[in-house]
Amino acid sequence: MAEARTLGPRDDVVAAVGHVPARIAVAGVSGAGKTTLARRVADRLALPHTELDSLFHGPGWTPRETFVDDVRAVVERPAWVVEWQYRQVRPLILERAELLVWLDLPTPVVMRQVTHRTVGRRLRREELWNGNIEPPLRSFFTDDEHIVRWAWSTRNALRGLDARLADAAPHLAVVRLRRRAQVEDWFQRLPAAT
């Protein structure tokens, strides 16, 4: 097994990568805060961010046929920040990423975040991607794939991710963040774009 390059919140990612990373993926289970952190990192480093959910979900929550090709086009660019999700495109992202930030937060934190986010989006009838909005809150009880139920059922899906990535992508530096305070500490240590 390859040696993992797992960094903590106070480790210097610029030193680990050899330069300010320009191709960054943010991993975590549903509700961990991947998109929020990806946007913040992109803004801080002046990199483009592409939200993968916007490429995956077509109108009526229908998966878009061009999804894989769209992701391929994004990761072939010289610089980007994306969420590391959707199994069918994870290898494309890993092949080109220099840094993966893993939000490995406690289950109670994630469940609180995903529930709060989902309820808020529904009450505001916030448009998400391509005209889609969160379904009625009662669908939590009827839809096995409701995002809150999905977050619960997949809460352990990334266990051992750093060891798996050491084998699958030995070129990749991985930052593992286990608490909200670590996320903020790590983020504040990133160099701001000049």
N, C-alpha and C. Protein backbone atom coordinates (compact mmCIF):
# COMPACT_ATOMS: atom_id res chain seq x y z
N MET A 1 0.84 -1.18 0.00
CA MET A 1 0.00 0.00 0.00
C MET A 1 0.88 1.24 0.00
N ALA A 2 0.52 2.23 -0.80
CA ALA A 2 1.27 3.47 -0.86
C ALA A 2 1.13 4.24 0.43
N GLU A 3 2.11 5.07 0.70
CA GLU A 3 2.05 5.89 1.90
C GLU A 3 1.11 7.07 1.68
N ALA A 4 0.20 7.27 2.60
CA ALA A 4 -0.76 8.36 2.47
C ALA A 4 -0.08 9.70 2.71
N ARG A 5 -0.52 10.71 1.97
CA ARG A 5 -0.05 12.08 2.17
C ARG A 5 -1.17 12.85 2.85
N THR A 6 -1.59 12.38 4.01
CA THR A 6 -2.70 13.02 4.69
C THR A 6 -2.18 14.12 5.59
N LEU A 7 -2.74 15.31 5.39
CA LEU A 7 -2.35 16.49 6.14
C LEU A 7 -3.45 16.85 7.12
N GLY A 8 -3.08 17.59 8.15
CA GLY A 8 -4.04 18.09 9.11
C GLY A 8 -4.33 19.56 8.88
N PRO A 9 -5.15 20.15 9.74
CA PRO A 9 -5.59 21.53 9.53
C PRO A 9 -4.46 22.56 9.63
N ARG A 10 -3.37 22.23 10.29
CA ARG A 10 -2.29 23.20 10.45
C ARG A 10 -1.10 22.93 9.54
N ASP A 11 -1.20 21.88 8.73
CA ASP A 11 -0.11 21.58 7.80
C ASP A 11 -0.14 22.55 6.61
N ASP A 12 1.01 22.82 6.07
CA ASP A 12 1.17 23.76 4.96
C ASP A 12 0.90 23.05 3.63
N VAL A 13 -0.27 23.32 3.04
CA VAL A 13 -0.61 22.65 1.78
C VAL A 13 0.26 23.14 0.63
N VAL A 14 0.71 24.38 0.68
CA VAL A 14 1.57 24.90 -0.38
C VAL A 14 2.89 24.12 -0.38
N ALA A 15 3.44 23.89 0.80
CA ALA A 15 4.67 23.11 0.89
C ALA A 15 4.44 21.66 0.45
N ALA A 16 3.30 21.09 0.82
CA ALA A 16 3.01 19.70 0.48
C ALA A 16 2.84 19.50 -1.02
N VAL A 17 2.19 20.46 -1.68
CA VAL A 17 1.94 20.35 -3.11
C VAL A 17 3.15 20.86 -3.91
N GLY A 18 3.88 21.82 -3.35
CA GLY A 18 5.03 22.40 -4.03
C GLY A 18 4.73 23.75 -4.65
N HIS A 19 3.47 24.17 -4.57
CA HIS A 19 3.02 25.47 -5.05
C HIS A 19 1.58 25.66 -4.55
N VAL A 20 1.03 26.83 -4.79
CA VAL A 20 -0.37 27.03 -4.42
C VAL A 20 -1.21 26.13 -5.33
N PRO A 21 -1.96 25.20 -4.76
CA PRO A 21 -2.72 24.27 -5.60
C PRO A 21 -3.75 25.00 -6.46
N ALA A 22 -3.90 24.52 -7.69
CA ALA A 22 -4.84 25.13 -8.63
C ALA A 22 -5.95 24.18 -9.05
N ARG A 23 -5.84 22.91 -8.67
CA ARG A 23 -6.87 21.92 -8.99
C ARG A 23 -7.23 21.20 -7.69
N ILE A 24 -8.38 21.59 -7.13
CA ILE A 24 -8.75 21.19 -5.77
C ILE A 24 -10.13 20.55 -5.78
N ALA A 25 -10.25 19.42 -5.09
CA ALA A 25 -11.53 18.75 -4.89
C ALA A 25 -11.86 18.78 -3.40
N VAL A 26 -13.12 18.93 -3.08
CA VAL A 26 -13.58 18.93 -1.69
C VAL A 26 -14.51 17.74 -1.52
N ALA A 27 -14.13 16.83 -0.62
CA ALA A 27 -14.89 15.60 -0.38
C ALA A 27 -15.63 15.68 0.95
N GLY A 28 -16.66 14.90 1.06
CA GLY A 28 -17.42 14.79 2.30
C GLY A 28 -18.75 14.13 1.99
N VAL A 29 -19.39 13.61 3.01
CA VAL A 29 -20.70 13.01 2.81
C VAL A 29 -21.72 14.12 2.57
N SER A 30 -22.91 13.75 2.14
CA SER A 30 -23.96 14.74 1.89
C SER A 30 -24.22 15.56 3.14
N GLY A 31 -24.18 16.87 2.99
CA GLY A 31 -24.44 17.77 4.10
C GLY A 31 -23.21 18.20 4.87
N ALA A 32 -22.03 17.72 4.48
CA ALA A 32 -20.81 18.07 5.22
C ALA A 32 -20.36 19.50 4.96
N GLY A 33 -20.81 20.10 3.87
CA GLY A 33 -20.42 21.47 3.55
C GLY A 33 -19.43 21.56 2.40
N LYS A 34 -19.44 20.57 1.51
CA LYS A 34 -18.51 20.55 0.39
C LYS A 34 -18.62 21.80 -0.49
N THR A 35 -19.83 22.11 -0.90
CA THR A 35 -20.02 23.22 -1.83
C THR A 35 -19.67 24.55 -1.17
N THR A 36 -20.06 24.72 0.07
CA THR A 36 -19.74 25.96 0.77
C THR A 36 -18.23 26.15 0.86
N LEU A 37 -17.51 25.10 1.27
CA LEU A 37 -16.06 25.23 1.37
C LEU A 37 -15.43 25.39 -0.02
N ALA A 38 -15.91 24.66 -1.01
CA ALA A 38 -15.36 24.78 -2.36
C ALA A 38 -15.49 26.21 -2.87
N ARG A 39 -16.63 26.84 -2.64
CA ARG A 39 -16.81 28.24 -3.05
C ARG A 39 -15.84 29.16 -2.33
N ARG A 40 -15.69 28.96 -1.04
CA ARG A 40 -14.80 29.81 -0.25
C ARG A 40 -13.35 29.66 -0.71
N VAL A 41 -12.93 28.41 -0.94
CA VAL A 41 -11.55 28.15 -1.40
C VAL A 41 -11.34 28.80 -2.77
N ALA A 42 -12.30 28.62 -3.66
CA ALA A 42 -12.18 29.22 -4.99
C ALA A 42 -12.05 30.73 -4.91
N ASP A 43 -12.87 31.36 -4.07
CA ASP A 43 -12.79 32.81 -3.91
C ASP A 43 -11.44 33.24 -3.34
N ARG A 44 -10.99 32.54 -2.33
CA ARG A 44 -9.73 32.92 -1.67
C ARG A 44 -8.53 32.78 -2.60
N LEU A 45 -8.53 31.72 -3.42
CA LEU A 45 -7.39 31.47 -4.30
C LEU A 45 -7.62 32.01 -5.72
N ALA A 46 -8.76 32.67 -5.95
CA ALA A 46 -9.11 33.23 -7.26
C ALA A 46 -9.11 32.14 -8.34
N LEU A 47 -9.77 31.03 -8.02
CA LEU A 47 -9.91 29.90 -8.94
C LEU A 47 -11.38 29.75 -9.33
N PRO A 48 -11.66 29.20 -10.50
CA PRO A 48 -13.06 28.96 -10.86
C PRO A 48 -13.64 27.77 -10.09
N HIS A 49 -14.88 27.91 -9.67
CA HIS A 49 -15.59 26.82 -8.98
C HIS A 49 -16.73 26.36 -9.86
N THR A 50 -16.87 25.06 -10.01
CA THR A 50 -18.00 24.47 -10.70
C THR A 50 -18.70 23.54 -9.73
N GLU A 51 -19.98 23.79 -9.50
CA GLU A 51 -20.77 22.93 -8.61
C GLU A 51 -21.26 21.73 -9.41
N LEU A 52 -20.79 20.53 -9.04
CA LEU A 52 -21.13 19.35 -9.82
C LEU A 52 -22.62 19.04 -9.84
N ASP A 53 -23.33 19.38 -8.77
CA ASP A 53 -24.78 19.16 -8.78
C ASP A 53 -25.44 19.91 -9.94
N SER A 54 -24.92 21.09 -10.29
CA SER A 54 -25.51 21.87 -11.38
C SER A 54 -25.27 21.21 -12.73
N LEU A 55 -24.22 20.39 -12.83
CA LEU A 55 -23.97 19.66 -14.07
C LEU A 55 -24.74 18.35 -14.12
N PHE A 56 -25.04 17.78 -12.96
CA PHE A 56 -25.70 16.47 -12.90
C PHE A 56 -27.22 16.58 -13.05
N HIS A 57 -27.84 17.52 -12.32
CA HIS A 57 -29.31 17.59 -12.27
C HIS A 57 -29.87 18.45 -13.39
N GLY A 58 -30.63 17.80 -14.27
CA GLY A 58 -31.39 18.53 -15.27
C GLY A 58 -32.76 18.89 -14.73
N PRO A 59 -33.59 19.53 -15.54
CA PRO A 59 -34.96 19.86 -15.10
C PRO A 59 -35.69 18.62 -14.61
N GLY A 60 -36.49 18.79 -13.56
CA GLY A 60 -37.25 17.68 -12.99
C GLY A 60 -36.36 16.65 -12.31
N TRP A 61 -35.19 17.08 -11.86
CA TRP A 61 -34.23 16.22 -11.17
C TRP A 61 -33.75 15.07 -12.06
N THR A 62 -33.85 15.22 -13.38
CA THR A 62 -33.40 14.18 -14.30
C THR A 62 -31.90 14.30 -14.51
N PRO A 63 -31.17 13.19 -14.38
CA PRO A 63 -29.71 13.26 -14.65
C PRO A 63 -29.46 13.69 -16.10
N ARG A 64 -28.51 14.60 -16.26
CA ARG A 64 -28.17 15.10 -17.59
C ARG A 64 -27.26 14.11 -18.31
N GLU A 65 -27.57 13.84 -19.57
CA GLU A 65 -26.79 12.88 -20.36
C GLU A 65 -25.36 13.34 -20.59
N THR A 66 -25.13 14.63 -20.55
CA THR A 66 -23.79 15.17 -20.83
C THR A 66 -22.93 15.32 -19.58
N PHE A 67 -23.42 14.80 -18.46
CA PHE A 67 -22.74 15.03 -17.18
C PHE A 67 -21.26 14.65 -17.21
N VAL A 68 -20.94 13.43 -17.60
CA VAL A 68 -19.54 12.97 -17.57
C VAL A 68 -18.69 13.83 -18.50
N ASP A 69 -19.18 14.12 -19.69
CA ASP A 69 -18.43 14.97 -20.61
C ASP A 69 -18.24 16.37 -20.07
N ASP A 70 -19.27 16.89 -19.41
CA ASP A 70 -19.17 18.24 -18.82
C ASP A 70 -18.11 18.27 -17.72
N VAL A 71 -18.09 17.24 -16.88
CA VAL A 71 -17.08 17.18 -15.81
C VAL A 71 -15.69 17.03 -16.42
N ARG A 72 -15.57 16.20 -17.42
CA ARG A 72 -14.28 16.02 -18.09
C ARG A 72 -13.76 17.37 -18.62
N ALA A 73 -14.64 18.15 -19.21
CA ALA A 73 -14.24 19.46 -19.73
C ALA A 73 -13.77 20.39 -18.61
N VAL A 74 -14.42 20.33 -17.46
CA VAL A 74 -14.02 21.16 -16.32
C VAL A 74 -12.64 20.76 -15.83
N VAL A 75 -12.41 19.47 -15.61
CA VAL A 75 -11.15 19.05 -15.00
C VAL A 75 -9.98 19.06 -15.98
N GLU A 76 -10.25 19.21 -17.26
CA GLU A 76 -9.15 19.37 -18.22
C GLU A 76 -8.60 20.79 -18.23
N ARG A 77 -9.30 21.71 -17.59
CA ARG A 77 -8.82 23.08 -17.49
C ARG A 77 -7.61 23.13 -16.54
N PRO A 78 -6.81 24.18 -16.63
CA PRO A 78 -5.62 24.26 -15.78
C PRO A 78 -5.92 24.56 -14.31
N ALA A 79 -7.09 25.12 -14.02
CA ALA A 79 -7.41 25.49 -12.63
C ALA A 79 -8.89 25.30 -12.38
N TRP A 80 -9.22 24.78 -11.18
CA TRP A 80 -10.62 24.57 -10.81
C TRP A 80 -10.72 24.13 -9.34
N VAL A 81 -11.93 24.31 -8.83
CA VAL A 81 -12.32 23.75 -7.53
C VAL A 81 -13.68 23.09 -7.76
N VAL A 82 -13.81 21.82 -7.36
CA VAL A 82 -15.06 21.08 -7.51
C VAL A 82 -15.31 20.24 -6.26
N GLU A 83 -16.55 19.80 -6.11
CA GLU A 83 -16.87 18.83 -5.07
C GLU A 83 -16.51 17.44 -5.59
N TRP A 84 -15.97 16.62 -4.73
CA TRP A 84 -15.63 15.25 -5.12
C TRP A 84 -16.80 14.36 -4.76
N GLN A 85 -17.67 14.16 -5.74
CA GLN A 85 -18.86 13.35 -5.55
C GLN A 85 -19.22 12.72 -6.88
N TYR A 86 -20.23 11.90 -6.89
CA TYR A 86 -20.68 11.17 -8.08
C TYR A 86 -19.59 10.18 -8.51
N ARG A 87 -19.83 8.94 -8.16
CA ARG A 87 -18.84 7.88 -8.43
C ARG A 87 -18.34 7.83 -9.86
N GLN A 88 -19.25 8.07 -10.81
CA GLN A 88 -18.84 7.93 -12.20
C GLN A 88 -17.79 8.95 -12.64
N VAL A 89 -17.65 10.07 -11.91
CA VAL A 89 -16.65 11.08 -12.31
C VAL A 89 -15.51 11.23 -11.30
N ARG A 90 -15.58 10.54 -10.20
CA ARG A 90 -14.50 10.65 -9.22
C ARG A 90 -13.13 10.33 -9.81
N PRO A 91 -12.99 9.27 -10.64
CA PRO A 91 -11.67 9.00 -11.22
C PRO A 91 -11.15 10.14 -12.10
N LEU A 92 -12.03 10.79 -12.84
CA LEU A 92 -11.63 11.93 -13.67
C LEU A 92 -11.06 13.05 -12.81
N ILE A 93 -11.73 13.30 -11.70
CA ILE A 93 -11.30 14.36 -10.79
C ILE A 93 -9.98 14.00 -10.14
N LEU A 94 -9.88 12.76 -9.64
CA LEU A 94 -8.65 12.33 -8.96
C LEU A 94 -7.43 12.37 -9.87
N GLU A 95 -7.64 12.05 -11.13
CA GLU A 95 -6.52 12.00 -12.07
C GLU A 95 -5.83 13.36 -12.19
N ARG A 96 -6.60 14.44 -12.09
CA ARG A 96 -6.04 15.77 -12.31
C ARG A 96 -5.89 16.60 -11.04
N ALA A 97 -6.56 16.23 -9.97
CA ALA A 97 -6.51 17.04 -8.74
C ALA A 97 -5.11 17.01 -8.12
N GLU A 98 -4.75 18.14 -7.52
CA GLU A 98 -3.50 18.24 -6.77
C GLU A 98 -3.76 18.11 -5.27
N LEU A 99 -4.95 18.53 -4.86
CA LEU A 99 -5.30 18.57 -3.45
C LEU A 99 -6.74 18.13 -3.28
N LEU A 100 -6.99 17.29 -2.28
CA LEU A 100 -8.35 16.92 -1.91
C LEU A 100 -8.53 17.28 -0.45
N VAL A 101 -9.54 18.08 -0.17
CA VAL A 101 -9.87 18.47 1.20
C VAL A 101 -11.05 17.61 1.62
N TRP A 102 -10.83 16.82 2.67
CA TRP A 102 -11.84 15.86 3.13
C TRP A 102 -12.51 16.38 4.39
N LEU A 103 -13.79 16.71 4.28
CA LEU A 103 -14.58 17.13 5.43
C LEU A 103 -15.12 15.87 6.11
N ASP A 104 -14.40 15.41 7.10
CA ASP A 104 -14.73 14.19 7.83
C ASP A 104 -15.34 14.57 9.18
N LEU A 105 -16.48 15.24 9.11
CA LEU A 105 -17.10 15.80 10.31
C LEU A 105 -17.96 14.75 11.03
N PRO A 106 -18.20 14.95 12.33
CA PRO A 106 -19.04 14.01 13.09
C PRO A 106 -20.46 13.94 12.52
N THR A 107 -21.05 12.77 12.59
CA THR A 107 -22.39 12.56 12.06
C THR A 107 -23.41 13.55 12.63
N PRO A 108 -23.45 13.85 13.94
CA PRO A 108 -24.44 14.82 14.42
C PRO A 108 -24.30 16.19 13.76
N VAL A 109 -23.09 16.61 13.50
CA VAL A 109 -22.86 17.91 12.85
C VAL A 109 -23.41 17.87 11.42
N VAL A 110 -23.07 16.83 10.69
CA VAL A 110 -23.52 16.70 9.31
C VAL A 110 -25.04 16.64 9.24
N MET A 111 -25.65 15.84 10.11
CA MET A 111 -27.11 15.70 10.07
C MET A 111 -27.80 17.02 10.42
N ARG A 112 -27.26 17.74 11.37
CA ARG A 112 -27.83 19.05 11.70
C ARG A 112 -27.71 20.00 10.50
N GLN A 113 -26.56 20.00 9.84
CA GLN A 113 -26.35 20.88 8.69
C GLN A 113 -27.27 20.53 7.53
N VAL A 114 -27.37 19.24 7.18
CA VAL A 114 -28.18 18.86 6.03
C VAL A 114 -29.66 19.09 6.31
N THR A 115 -30.10 18.87 7.53
CA THR A 115 -31.50 19.10 7.88
C THR A 115 -31.83 20.59 7.82
N HIS A 116 -30.99 21.40 8.42
CA HIS A 116 -31.20 22.86 8.42
C HIS A 116 -31.21 23.39 6.98
N ARG A 117 -30.24 22.96 6.18
CA ARG A 117 -30.14 23.41 4.79
C ARG A 117 -31.38 23.01 4.00
N THR A 118 -31.82 21.76 4.15
CA THR A 118 -32.94 21.24 3.37
C THR A 118 -34.24 21.95 3.74
N VAL A 119 -34.48 22.11 5.02
CA VAL A 119 -35.71 22.78 5.48
C VAL A 119 -35.69 24.23 5.00
N GLY A 120 -34.56 24.91 5.15
CA GLY A 120 -34.47 26.30 4.72
C GLY A 120 -34.72 26.47 3.23
N ARG A 121 -34.10 25.61 2.44
CA ARG A 121 -34.29 25.69 0.99
C ARG A 121 -35.76 25.46 0.61
N ARG A 122 -36.39 24.51 1.29
CA ARG A 122 -37.79 24.21 0.98
C ARG A 122 -38.69 25.36 1.37
N LEU A 123 -38.50 25.90 2.57
CA LEU A 123 -39.36 26.99 3.02
C LEU A 123 -39.20 28.23 2.15
N ARG A 124 -37.99 28.48 1.67
CA ARG A 124 -37.75 29.62 0.78
C ARG A 124 -38.09 29.31 -0.68
N ARG A 125 -38.38 28.02 -0.96
CA ARG A 125 -38.61 27.55 -2.32
C ARG A 125 -37.46 28.00 -3.22
N GLU A 126 -36.27 27.81 -2.70
CA GLU A 126 -35.04 28.22 -3.37
C GLU A 126 -34.78 27.33 -4.59
N GLU A 127 -34.56 27.98 -5.73
CA GLU A 127 -34.21 27.21 -6.92
C GLU A 127 -32.77 26.74 -6.78
N LEU A 128 -32.55 25.45 -7.01
CA LEU A 128 -31.23 24.88 -6.86
C LEU A 128 -30.53 24.80 -8.22
N TRP A 129 -30.85 23.83 -9.03
CA TRP A 129 -30.19 23.66 -10.32
C TRP A 129 -31.23 23.40 -11.38
N ASN A 130 -31.16 24.17 -12.45
CA ASN A 130 -31.99 23.94 -13.63
C ASN A 130 -33.48 23.89 -13.31
N GLY A 131 -33.91 24.81 -12.44
CA GLY A 131 -35.33 24.93 -12.10
C GLY A 131 -35.82 24.02 -10.99
N ASN A 132 -34.95 23.20 -10.42
CA ASN A 132 -35.36 22.26 -9.37
C ASN A 132 -35.42 22.96 -8.01
N ILE A 133 -36.37 22.53 -7.19
CA ILE A 133 -36.46 22.96 -5.80
C ILE A 133 -36.56 21.71 -4.92
N GLU A 134 -36.27 21.89 -3.64
CA GLU A 134 -36.41 20.77 -2.70
C GLU A 134 -37.86 20.28 -2.71
N PRO A 135 -38.07 18.98 -2.62
CA PRO A 135 -39.44 18.45 -2.60
C PRO A 135 -40.13 18.82 -1.28
N PRO A 136 -41.44 18.62 -1.21
CA PRO A 136 -42.15 18.91 0.04
C PRO A 136 -41.50 18.15 1.22
N LEU A 137 -41.52 18.77 2.38
CA LEU A 137 -40.88 18.19 3.56
C LEU A 137 -41.47 16.82 3.91
N ARG A 138 -42.73 16.60 3.61
CA ARG A 138 -43.35 15.30 3.92
C ARG A 138 -42.70 14.16 3.14
N SER A 139 -42.01 14.48 2.04
CA SER A 139 -41.37 13.43 1.25
C SER A 139 -40.25 12.74 2.02
N PHE A 140 -39.81 13.34 3.12
CA PHE A 140 -38.84 12.67 3.99
C PHE A 140 -39.36 11.29 4.39
N PHE A 141 -40.68 11.19 4.62
CA PHE A 141 -41.28 9.94 5.09
C PHE A 141 -41.59 8.95 3.97
N THR A 142 -41.61 9.42 2.73
CA THR A 142 -42.03 8.56 1.62
C THR A 142 -40.93 8.27 0.60
N ASP A 143 -39.89 9.06 0.59
CA ASP A 143 -38.85 8.92 -0.43
C ASP A 143 -37.56 8.41 0.21
N ASP A 144 -37.20 7.17 -0.13
CA ASP A 144 -35.97 6.58 0.43
C ASP A 144 -34.72 7.37 0.05
N GLU A 145 -34.78 8.15 -1.03
CA GLU A 145 -33.62 8.92 -1.45
C GLU A 145 -33.73 10.40 -1.10
N HIS A 146 -34.65 10.75 -0.19
CA HIS A 146 -34.73 12.13 0.30
C HIS A 146 -33.34 12.49 0.83
N ILE A 147 -32.89 13.70 0.59
CA ILE A 147 -31.51 14.06 0.90
C ILE A 147 -31.15 13.84 2.36
N VAL A 148 -32.06 14.09 3.28
CA VAL A 148 -31.75 13.87 4.70
C VAL A 148 -31.62 12.38 4.99
N ARG A 149 -32.49 11.57 4.44
CA ARG A 149 -32.37 10.11 4.61
C ARG A 149 -31.12 9.59 3.92
N TRP A 150 -30.83 10.15 2.74
CA TRP A 150 -29.63 9.76 2.01
C TRP A 150 -28.37 10.08 2.83
N ALA A 151 -28.35 11.26 3.42
CA ALA A 151 -27.20 11.65 4.25
C ALA A 151 -27.00 10.67 5.40
N TRP A 152 -28.08 10.25 6.01
CA TRP A 152 -27.98 9.29 7.11
C TRP A 152 -27.47 7.93 6.62
N SER A 153 -28.04 7.45 5.52
CA SER A 153 -27.68 6.10 5.06
C SER A 153 -26.27 6.04 4.48
N THR A 154 -25.72 7.16 4.06
CA THR A 154 -24.37 7.17 3.48
C THR A 154 -23.35 7.84 4.41
N ARG A 155 -23.71 8.02 5.65
CA ARG A 155 -22.85 8.78 6.58
C ARG A 155 -21.46 8.17 6.78
N ASN A 156 -21.31 6.87 6.55
CA ASN A 156 -20.01 6.22 6.73
C ASN A 156 -19.34 5.86 5.41
N ALA A 157 -19.84 6.38 4.31
CA ALA A 157 -19.37 5.98 2.98
C ALA A 157 -17.90 6.32 2.73
N LEU A 158 -17.37 7.29 3.42
CA LEU A 158 -15.99 7.71 3.14
C LEU A 158 -14.98 7.22 4.19
N ARG A 159 -15.40 6.31 5.05
CA ARG A 159 -14.45 5.76 6.02
C ARG A 159 -13.22 5.19 5.31
N GLY A 160 -12.05 5.51 5.82
CA GLY A 160 -10.82 5.01 5.23
C GLY A 160 -10.45 5.66 3.91
N LEU A 161 -11.03 6.82 3.63
CA LEU A 161 -10.79 7.48 2.35
C LEU A 161 -9.32 7.79 2.13
N ASP A 162 -8.63 8.26 3.15
CA ASP A 162 -7.23 8.63 2.97
C ASP A 162 -6.39 7.43 2.54
N ALA A 163 -6.63 6.26 3.13
CA ALA A 163 -5.88 5.06 2.74
C ALA A 163 -6.23 4.63 1.32
N ARG A 164 -7.51 4.71 0.95
CA ARG A 164 -7.92 4.35 -0.41
C ARG A 164 -7.30 5.30 -1.43
N LEU A 165 -7.24 6.58 -1.10
CA LEU A 165 -6.67 7.55 -2.02
C LEU A 165 -5.16 7.40 -2.14
N ALA A 166 -4.52 6.93 -1.09
CA ALA A 166 -3.07 6.71 -1.16
C ALA A 166 -2.75 5.69 -2.24
N ASP A 167 -3.63 4.71 -2.42
CA ASP A 167 -3.44 3.70 -3.46
C ASP A 167 -3.92 4.21 -4.83
N ALA A 168 -5.08 4.85 -4.85
CA ALA A 168 -5.70 5.25 -6.12
C ALA A 168 -5.07 6.50 -6.74
N ALA A 169 -4.56 7.38 -5.90
CA ALA A 169 -4.03 8.66 -6.39
C ALA A 169 -2.83 9.08 -5.54
N PRO A 170 -1.71 8.37 -5.66
CA PRO A 170 -0.56 8.67 -4.80
C PRO A 170 0.02 10.07 -4.99
N HIS A 171 -0.30 10.72 -6.09
CA HIS A 171 0.19 12.08 -6.35
C HIS A 171 -0.57 13.12 -5.53
N LEU A 172 -1.68 12.73 -4.95
CA LEU A 172 -2.62 13.66 -4.33
C LEU A 172 -2.27 13.95 -2.87
N ALA A 173 -2.29 15.22 -2.50
CA ALA A 173 -2.22 15.60 -1.08
C ALA A 173 -3.65 15.65 -0.55
N VAL A 174 -3.88 15.06 0.61
CA VAL A 174 -5.21 15.00 1.21
C VAL A 174 -5.18 15.72 2.56
N VAL A 175 -6.08 16.66 2.73
CA VAL A 175 -6.23 17.36 4.01
C VAL A 175 -7.49 16.80 4.66
N ARG A 176 -7.36 16.25 5.84
CA ARG A 176 -8.50 15.67 6.56
C ARG A 176 -8.88 16.61 7.70
N LEU A 177 -10.12 17.08 7.66
CA LEU A 177 -10.63 18.03 8.66
C LEU A 177 -11.80 17.37 9.38
N ARG A 178 -11.69 17.27 10.71
CA ARG A 178 -12.66 16.50 11.49
C ARG A 178 -13.63 17.33 12.34
N ARG A 179 -13.42 18.62 12.40
CA ARG A 179 -14.32 19.50 13.17
C ARG A 179 -14.49 20.82 12.43
N ARG A 180 -15.59 21.51 12.68
CA ARG A 180 -15.84 22.80 12.04
C ARG A 180 -14.69 23.77 12.35
N ALA A 181 -14.18 23.75 13.56
CA ALA A 181 -13.08 24.66 13.91
C ALA A 181 -11.84 24.35 13.09
N GLN A 182 -11.58 23.10 12.80
CA GLN A 182 -10.44 22.74 11.96
C GLN A 182 -10.63 23.25 10.53
N VAL A 183 -11.85 23.18 10.04
CA VAL A 183 -12.12 23.68 8.69
C VAL A 183 -11.75 25.15 8.62
N GLU A 184 -12.21 25.91 9.61
CA GLU A 184 -11.92 27.35 9.60
C GLU A 184 -10.44 27.63 9.79
N ASP A 185 -9.80 26.89 10.68
CA ASP A 185 -8.36 27.06 10.91
C ASP A 185 -7.59 26.80 9.62
N TRP A 186 -7.91 25.70 8.95
CA TRP A 186 -7.23 25.37 7.70
C TRP A 186 -7.47 26.45 6.64
N PHE A 187 -8.73 26.86 6.52
CA PHE A 187 -9.07 27.86 5.51
C PHE A 187 -8.30 29.15 5.74
N GLN A 188 -8.20 29.60 6.99
CA GLN A 188 -7.50 30.86 7.28
C GLN A 188 -6.01 30.78 6.97
N ARG A 189 -5.47 29.58 6.91
CA ARG A 189 -4.05 29.42 6.58
C ARG A 189 -3.77 29.40 5.08
N LEU A 190 -4.81 29.31 4.27
CA LEU A 190 -4.61 29.35 2.82
C LEU A 190 -4.12 30.73 2.41
N PRO A 191 -3.20 30.79 1.48
CA PRO A 191 -2.75 32.11 1.02
C PRO A 191 -3.86 32.78 0.22
N ALA A 192 -4.06 34.06 0.45
CA ALA A 192 -5.06 34.80 -0.32
C ALA A 192 -4.46 35.15 -1.68
N ALA A 193 -5.29 35.11 -2.70
CA ALA A 193 -4.83 35.48 -4.05
C ALA A 193 -4.40 36.95 -4.05
N THR A 194 -3.37 37.24 -4.81
CA THR A 194 -2.88 38.63 -4.86
C THR A 194 -3.38 39.35 -6.08
